[in-house]
């Protein structure tokens, strides 16, 4: 379950930012998770609750913003929505697509005290 290590990474970012920005507690974390990131949202929620216990984020709420995947079609030169890697372009049928969005995970926003 790689979601555990992802949550540990999120916690490390929270701790680093708390030192840098001088806040004491994290109340809410908004994470953007791309539909092709390979992250299981429910596993992420479970692991987040386990990882943040007894930390500056203990009891923090996790808000997940699911980001749809987009790709640039090299053939028809348009941005298209895709459901998974190696899909054909819905406009021209080409398989020459470069994913431009939806394979990332990032902290979008924090609510802190």
N, C-alpha and C. Protein backbone atom coordinates (compact mmCIF):
# COMPACT_ATOMS: atom_id res chain seq x y z
N UNK A 1 0.86 -1.17 0.00
CA UNK A 1 0.00 0.00 0.00
C UNK A 1 0.91 1.24 0.00
N UNK A 2 1.10 1.83 -1.16
CA UNK A 2 1.97 3.00 -1.24
C UNK A 2 1.30 4.26 -0.72
N UNK A 3 0.01 4.21 -0.45
CA UNK A 3 -0.68 5.37 0.09
C UNK A 3 -0.13 5.75 1.47
N UNK A 4 0.34 4.76 2.24
CA UNK A 4 0.93 5.04 3.55
C UNK A 4 2.16 5.93 3.39
N UNK A 5 3.04 5.58 2.47
CA UNK A 5 4.24 6.40 2.27
C UNK A 5 3.88 7.76 1.68
N UNK A 6 2.84 7.83 0.87
CA UNK A 6 2.39 9.13 0.35
C UNK A 6 1.91 10.02 1.50
N UNK A 7 1.16 9.44 2.42
CA UNK A 7 0.67 10.21 3.58
C UNK A 7 1.82 10.64 4.48
N UNK A 8 2.82 9.79 4.62
CA UNK A 8 4.00 10.18 5.40
C UNK A 8 4.71 11.36 4.73
N UNK A 9 4.74 11.36 3.40
CA UNK A 9 5.31 12.48 2.66
C UNK A 9 4.51 13.75 2.85
N UNK A 10 3.19 13.64 2.85
CA UNK A 10 2.32 14.80 3.09
C UNK A 10 2.59 15.35 4.49
N UNK A 11 2.68 14.47 5.48
CA UNK A 11 2.96 14.90 6.85
C UNK A 11 4.30 15.62 6.93
N UNK A 12 5.30 15.13 6.23
CA UNK A 12 6.61 15.78 6.23
C UNK A 12 6.50 17.20 5.66
N UNK A 13 5.73 17.36 4.60
CA UNK A 13 5.52 18.69 4.03
C UNK A 13 4.82 19.59 5.05
N UNK A 14 3.82 19.06 5.74
CA UNK A 14 3.09 19.84 6.75
C UNK A 14 4.04 20.29 7.86
N UNK A 15 4.87 19.39 8.33
CA UNK A 15 5.82 19.73 9.40
C UNK A 15 6.84 20.77 8.94
N UNK A 16 7.34 20.61 7.72
CA UNK A 16 8.30 21.58 7.18
C UNK A 16 7.66 22.96 7.03
N UNK A 17 6.44 23.00 6.54
CA UNK A 17 5.75 24.28 6.35
C UNK A 17 5.37 24.91 7.69
N UNK A 18 5.07 24.10 8.69
CA UNK A 18 4.77 24.63 10.02
C UNK A 18 5.98 25.37 10.58
N UNK A 19 7.15 24.81 10.39
CA UNK A 19 8.37 25.48 10.84
C UNK A 19 8.62 26.76 10.04
N UNK A 20 8.45 26.66 8.73
CA UNK A 20 8.74 27.78 7.85
C UNK A 20 7.75 28.93 8.03
N UNK A 21 6.46 28.59 8.19
CA UNK A 21 5.41 29.61 8.26
C UNK A 21 4.90 29.87 9.67
N UNK A 22 5.47 29.14 10.63
CA UNK A 22 5.16 29.35 12.05
C UNK A 22 3.67 29.14 12.39
N UNK A 23 3.13 27.98 12.04
CA UNK A 23 1.81 27.62 12.52
C UNK A 23 1.91 26.40 13.40
N UNK A 24 0.92 26.22 14.26
CA UNK A 24 0.97 25.17 15.29
C UNK A 24 0.12 23.95 14.98
N UNK A 25 -0.94 24.15 14.21
CA UNK A 25 -1.91 23.07 14.00
C UNK A 25 -2.48 23.13 12.60
N UNK A 26 -2.70 21.96 12.03
CA UNK A 26 -3.35 21.84 10.72
C UNK A 26 -4.77 21.37 10.95
N UNK A 27 -5.73 22.11 10.42
CA UNK A 27 -7.15 21.75 10.58
C UNK A 27 -7.71 21.02 9.38
N UNK A 28 -7.31 21.45 8.17
CA UNK A 28 -7.82 20.83 6.95
C UNK A 28 -6.70 20.79 5.91
N UNK A 29 -6.66 19.69 5.16
CA UNK A 29 -5.72 19.53 4.06
C UNK A 29 -6.54 19.23 2.81
N UNK A 30 -6.32 20.02 1.76
CA UNK A 30 -6.94 19.76 0.46
C UNK A 30 -5.88 19.16 -0.45
N UNK A 31 -6.14 17.95 -0.92
CA UNK A 31 -5.23 17.26 -1.84
C UNK A 31 -5.89 17.13 -3.20
N UNK A 32 -5.15 17.49 -4.24
CA UNK A 32 -5.59 17.20 -5.60
C UNK A 32 -4.98 15.87 -5.99
N UNK A 33 -5.83 14.95 -6.43
CA UNK A 33 -5.36 13.63 -6.84
C UNK A 33 -5.89 13.34 -8.24
N UNK A 34 -4.98 13.14 -9.17
CA UNK A 34 -5.36 12.87 -10.55
C UNK A 34 -5.95 11.49 -10.72
N UNK A 35 -6.88 11.39 -11.67
CA UNK A 35 -7.55 10.11 -11.90
C UNK A 35 -6.61 9.02 -12.40
N UNK A 36 -5.45 9.43 -12.95
CA UNK A 36 -4.47 8.44 -13.42
C UNK A 36 -3.22 8.42 -12.55
N UNK A 37 -3.33 8.88 -11.33
CA UNK A 37 -2.16 8.94 -10.44
C UNK A 37 -1.83 7.59 -9.82
N UNK A 38 -2.76 6.66 -9.84
CA UNK A 38 -2.53 5.37 -9.21
C UNK A 38 -2.79 5.38 -7.72
N UNK A 39 -3.37 6.47 -7.21
CA UNK A 39 -3.65 6.61 -5.78
C UNK A 39 -5.10 6.17 -5.53
N UNK A 40 -5.28 5.25 -4.60
CA UNK A 40 -6.61 4.82 -4.19
C UNK A 40 -7.12 5.81 -3.15
N UNK A 41 -8.19 6.51 -3.46
CA UNK A 41 -8.69 7.58 -2.60
C UNK A 41 -9.08 7.07 -1.21
N UNK A 42 -9.79 5.97 -1.14
CA UNK A 42 -10.22 5.45 0.16
C UNK A 42 -9.04 4.97 0.99
N UNK A 43 -8.06 4.36 0.35
CA UNK A 43 -6.84 3.95 1.06
C UNK A 43 -6.10 5.18 1.56
N UNK A 44 -6.11 6.24 0.78
CA UNK A 44 -5.45 7.48 1.18
C UNK A 44 -6.12 8.05 2.43
N UNK A 45 -7.43 8.04 2.46
CA UNK A 45 -8.16 8.54 3.63
C UNK A 45 -7.82 7.73 4.89
N UNK A 46 -7.81 6.42 4.74
CA UNK A 46 -7.50 5.54 5.86
C UNK A 46 -6.09 5.78 6.38
N UNK A 47 -5.14 5.82 5.45
CA UNK A 47 -3.73 6.01 5.84
C UNK A 47 -3.50 7.40 6.43
N UNK A 48 -4.16 8.40 5.90
CA UNK A 48 -4.00 9.77 6.42
C UNK A 48 -4.39 9.81 7.89
N UNK A 49 -5.53 9.23 8.22
CA UNK A 49 -5.98 9.22 9.62
C UNK A 49 -4.98 8.51 10.52
N UNK A 50 -4.37 7.44 10.04
CA UNK A 50 -3.39 6.70 10.85
C UNK A 50 -2.09 7.48 11.01
N UNK A 51 -1.63 8.10 9.95
CA UNK A 51 -0.33 8.78 9.96
C UNK A 51 -0.35 10.07 10.79
N UNK A 52 -1.46 10.78 10.81
CA UNK A 52 -1.48 12.09 11.47
C UNK A 52 -1.73 12.02 12.98
N UNK A 53 -2.00 10.84 13.51
CA UNK A 53 -2.23 10.72 14.95
C UNK A 53 -1.02 11.23 15.73
N UNK A 54 -1.30 12.02 16.76
CA UNK A 54 -0.28 12.55 17.67
C UNK A 54 0.73 13.45 16.94
N UNK A 55 0.27 14.17 15.91
CA UNK A 55 1.11 15.12 15.19
C UNK A 55 0.40 16.47 15.17
N UNK A 56 1.00 17.45 14.54
CA UNK A 56 0.37 18.76 14.44
C UNK A 56 -0.90 18.72 13.60
N UNK A 57 -1.16 17.62 12.90
CA UNK A 57 -2.36 17.48 12.08
C UNK A 57 -3.37 16.51 12.69
N UNK A 58 -3.17 16.11 13.93
CA UNK A 58 -4.08 15.17 14.59
C UNK A 58 -5.50 15.72 14.53
N UNK A 59 -6.42 14.95 13.98
CA UNK A 59 -7.81 15.36 13.85
C UNK A 59 -8.12 16.20 12.63
N UNK A 60 -7.11 16.46 11.79
CA UNK A 60 -7.33 17.28 10.60
C UNK A 60 -8.26 16.56 9.62
N UNK A 61 -9.00 17.36 8.90
CA UNK A 61 -9.91 16.85 7.89
C UNK A 61 -9.17 16.77 6.56
N UNK A 62 -9.35 15.69 5.83
CA UNK A 62 -8.75 15.52 4.51
C UNK A 62 -9.83 15.71 3.45
N UNK A 63 -9.63 16.72 2.62
CA UNK A 63 -10.54 16.98 1.50
C UNK A 63 -9.80 16.58 0.22
N UNK A 64 -10.41 15.71 -0.56
CA UNK A 64 -9.78 15.24 -1.79
C UNK A 64 -10.51 15.82 -2.99
N UNK A 65 -9.74 16.44 -3.86
CA UNK A 65 -10.25 17.00 -5.10
C UNK A 65 -9.76 16.10 -6.22
N UNK A 66 -10.69 15.40 -6.86
CA UNK A 66 -10.30 14.49 -7.92
C UNK A 66 -10.14 15.28 -9.23
N UNK A 67 -8.98 15.09 -9.86
CA UNK A 67 -8.63 15.82 -11.07
C UNK A 67 -8.76 14.88 -12.27
N UNK A 68 -9.61 15.23 -13.24
CA UNK A 68 -9.74 14.37 -14.43
C UNK A 68 -8.48 14.43 -15.28
N UNK A 69 -8.23 13.37 -16.00
CA UNK A 69 -7.03 13.30 -16.84
C UNK A 69 -7.27 13.97 -18.19
N UNK A 70 -6.24 14.69 -18.63
CA UNK A 70 -6.26 15.32 -19.95
C UNK A 70 -4.98 14.96 -20.67
N UNK A 71 -5.04 14.98 -21.99
CA UNK A 71 -3.86 14.70 -22.80
C UNK A 71 -3.87 15.62 -24.02
N UNK A 72 -2.68 15.85 -24.55
CA UNK A 72 -2.50 16.62 -25.77
C UNK A 72 -2.37 15.63 -26.92
N UNK A 73 -3.23 15.76 -27.91
CA UNK A 73 -3.16 14.88 -29.08
C UNK A 73 -2.18 15.49 -30.08
N UNK A 74 -1.13 14.75 -30.38
CA UNK A 74 -0.13 15.22 -31.33
C UNK A 74 -0.66 15.25 -32.75
N UNK A 75 -1.67 14.44 -33.02
CA UNK A 75 -2.21 14.34 -34.37
C UNK A 75 -3.17 15.50 -34.69
N UNK A 76 -4.14 15.75 -33.80
CA UNK A 76 -5.14 16.80 -34.09
C UNK A 76 -4.87 18.10 -33.32
N UNK A 77 -3.79 18.12 -32.53
CA UNK A 77 -3.35 19.32 -31.81
C UNK A 77 -4.44 19.90 -30.92
N UNK A 78 -5.07 19.03 -30.13
CA UNK A 78 -6.10 19.47 -29.20
C UNK A 78 -5.90 18.80 -27.84
N UNK A 79 -6.37 19.47 -26.81
CA UNK A 79 -6.40 18.88 -25.48
C UNK A 79 -7.69 18.08 -25.36
N UNK A 80 -7.57 16.84 -24.93
CA UNK A 80 -8.73 15.95 -24.82
C UNK A 80 -8.77 15.31 -23.44
N UNK A 81 -9.96 14.94 -23.01
CA UNK A 81 -10.14 14.21 -21.75
C UNK A 81 -9.97 12.73 -22.04
N UNK A 82 -9.19 12.06 -21.17
CA UNK A 82 -8.98 10.61 -21.30
C UNK A 82 -9.32 9.94 -19.98
N UNK A 83 -9.69 8.68 -20.06
CA UNK A 83 -10.04 7.94 -18.85
C UNK A 83 -8.86 7.12 -18.33
N UNK A 84 -7.99 6.67 -19.24
CA UNK A 84 -6.83 5.88 -18.84
C UNK A 84 -5.73 6.04 -19.88
N UNK A 85 -4.52 5.65 -19.47
CA UNK A 85 -3.39 5.70 -20.41
C UNK A 85 -3.66 4.81 -21.61
N UNK A 86 -3.13 5.19 -22.71
CA UNK A 86 -3.21 4.43 -23.95
C UNK A 86 -4.61 4.42 -24.56
N UNK A 87 -5.48 5.32 -24.09
CA UNK A 87 -6.75 5.52 -24.79
C UNK A 87 -6.48 6.21 -26.12
N UNK A 88 -7.37 6.01 -27.05
CA UNK A 88 -7.28 6.73 -28.32
C UNK A 88 -7.88 8.12 -28.15
N UNK A 89 -7.46 9.04 -28.99
CA UNK A 89 -8.02 10.39 -28.99
C UNK A 89 -9.51 10.29 -29.34
N UNK A 90 -10.38 10.88 -28.52
CA UNK A 90 -11.81 10.81 -28.82
C UNK A 90 -12.20 11.61 -30.06
N UNK A 91 -11.31 12.49 -30.53
CA UNK A 91 -11.61 13.31 -31.71
C UNK A 91 -11.17 12.66 -33.01
N UNK A 92 -9.91 12.16 -33.03
CA UNK A 92 -9.37 11.66 -34.31
C UNK A 92 -8.99 10.19 -34.29
N UNK A 93 -9.00 9.55 -33.10
CA UNK A 93 -8.67 8.13 -33.01
C UNK A 93 -7.18 7.83 -32.89
N UNK A 94 -6.35 8.85 -32.92
CA UNK A 94 -4.90 8.66 -32.81
C UNK A 94 -4.52 8.17 -31.41
N UNK A 95 -3.44 7.42 -31.35
CA UNK A 95 -2.90 6.98 -30.06
C UNK A 95 -1.68 7.80 -29.65
N UNK A 96 -1.42 8.86 -30.37
CA UNK A 96 -0.28 9.72 -30.07
C UNK A 96 -0.71 10.82 -29.09
N UNK A 97 -0.92 10.40 -27.85
CA UNK A 97 -1.37 11.32 -26.80
C UNK A 97 -0.29 11.48 -25.75
N UNK A 98 -0.15 12.69 -25.27
CA UNK A 98 0.78 12.98 -24.18
C UNK A 98 -0.04 13.50 -23.01
N UNK A 99 -0.03 12.76 -21.89
CA UNK A 99 -0.79 13.15 -20.71
C UNK A 99 -0.25 14.48 -20.18
N UNK A 100 -1.15 15.44 -19.96
CA UNK A 100 -0.75 16.76 -19.47
C UNK A 100 -1.33 17.07 -18.10
N UNK A 101 -2.30 16.29 -17.67
CA UNK A 101 -2.96 16.54 -16.39
C UNK A 101 -3.65 15.25 -15.93
N UNK A 102 -3.68 15.07 -14.60
CA UNK A 102 -4.42 13.93 -14.07
C UNK A 102 -3.56 12.79 -13.57
N UNK A 103 -2.23 12.94 -13.64
CA UNK A 103 -1.36 11.89 -13.11
C UNK A 103 -0.58 12.38 -11.90
N UNK A 104 -1.04 13.50 -11.32
CA UNK A 104 -0.33 14.11 -10.21
C UNK A 104 -1.10 13.98 -8.89
N UNK A 105 -0.39 14.25 -7.82
CA UNK A 105 -0.98 14.42 -6.51
C UNK A 105 -0.26 15.59 -5.86
N UNK A 106 -1.00 16.56 -5.36
CA UNK A 106 -0.36 17.71 -4.73
C UNK A 106 -1.24 18.30 -3.65
N UNK A 107 -0.59 18.94 -2.71
CA UNK A 107 -1.32 19.67 -1.67
C UNK A 107 -1.76 20.98 -2.29
N UNK A 108 -3.04 21.19 -2.36
CA UNK A 108 -3.58 22.41 -2.97
C UNK A 108 -3.70 23.54 -1.95
N UNK A 109 -4.17 23.19 -0.74
CA UNK A 109 -4.45 24.23 0.27
C UNK A 109 -4.42 23.64 1.66
N UNK A 110 -4.13 24.49 2.63
CA UNK A 110 -4.15 24.10 4.04
C UNK A 110 -4.96 25.11 4.84
N UNK A 111 -5.66 24.62 5.84
CA UNK A 111 -6.26 25.49 6.84
C UNK A 111 -5.48 25.21 8.13
N UNK A 112 -4.90 26.26 8.69
CA UNK A 112 -4.00 26.09 9.84
C UNK A 112 -4.35 27.10 10.93
N UNK A 113 -3.79 26.86 12.12
CA UNK A 113 -3.91 27.78 13.25
C UNK A 113 -2.52 28.14 13.72
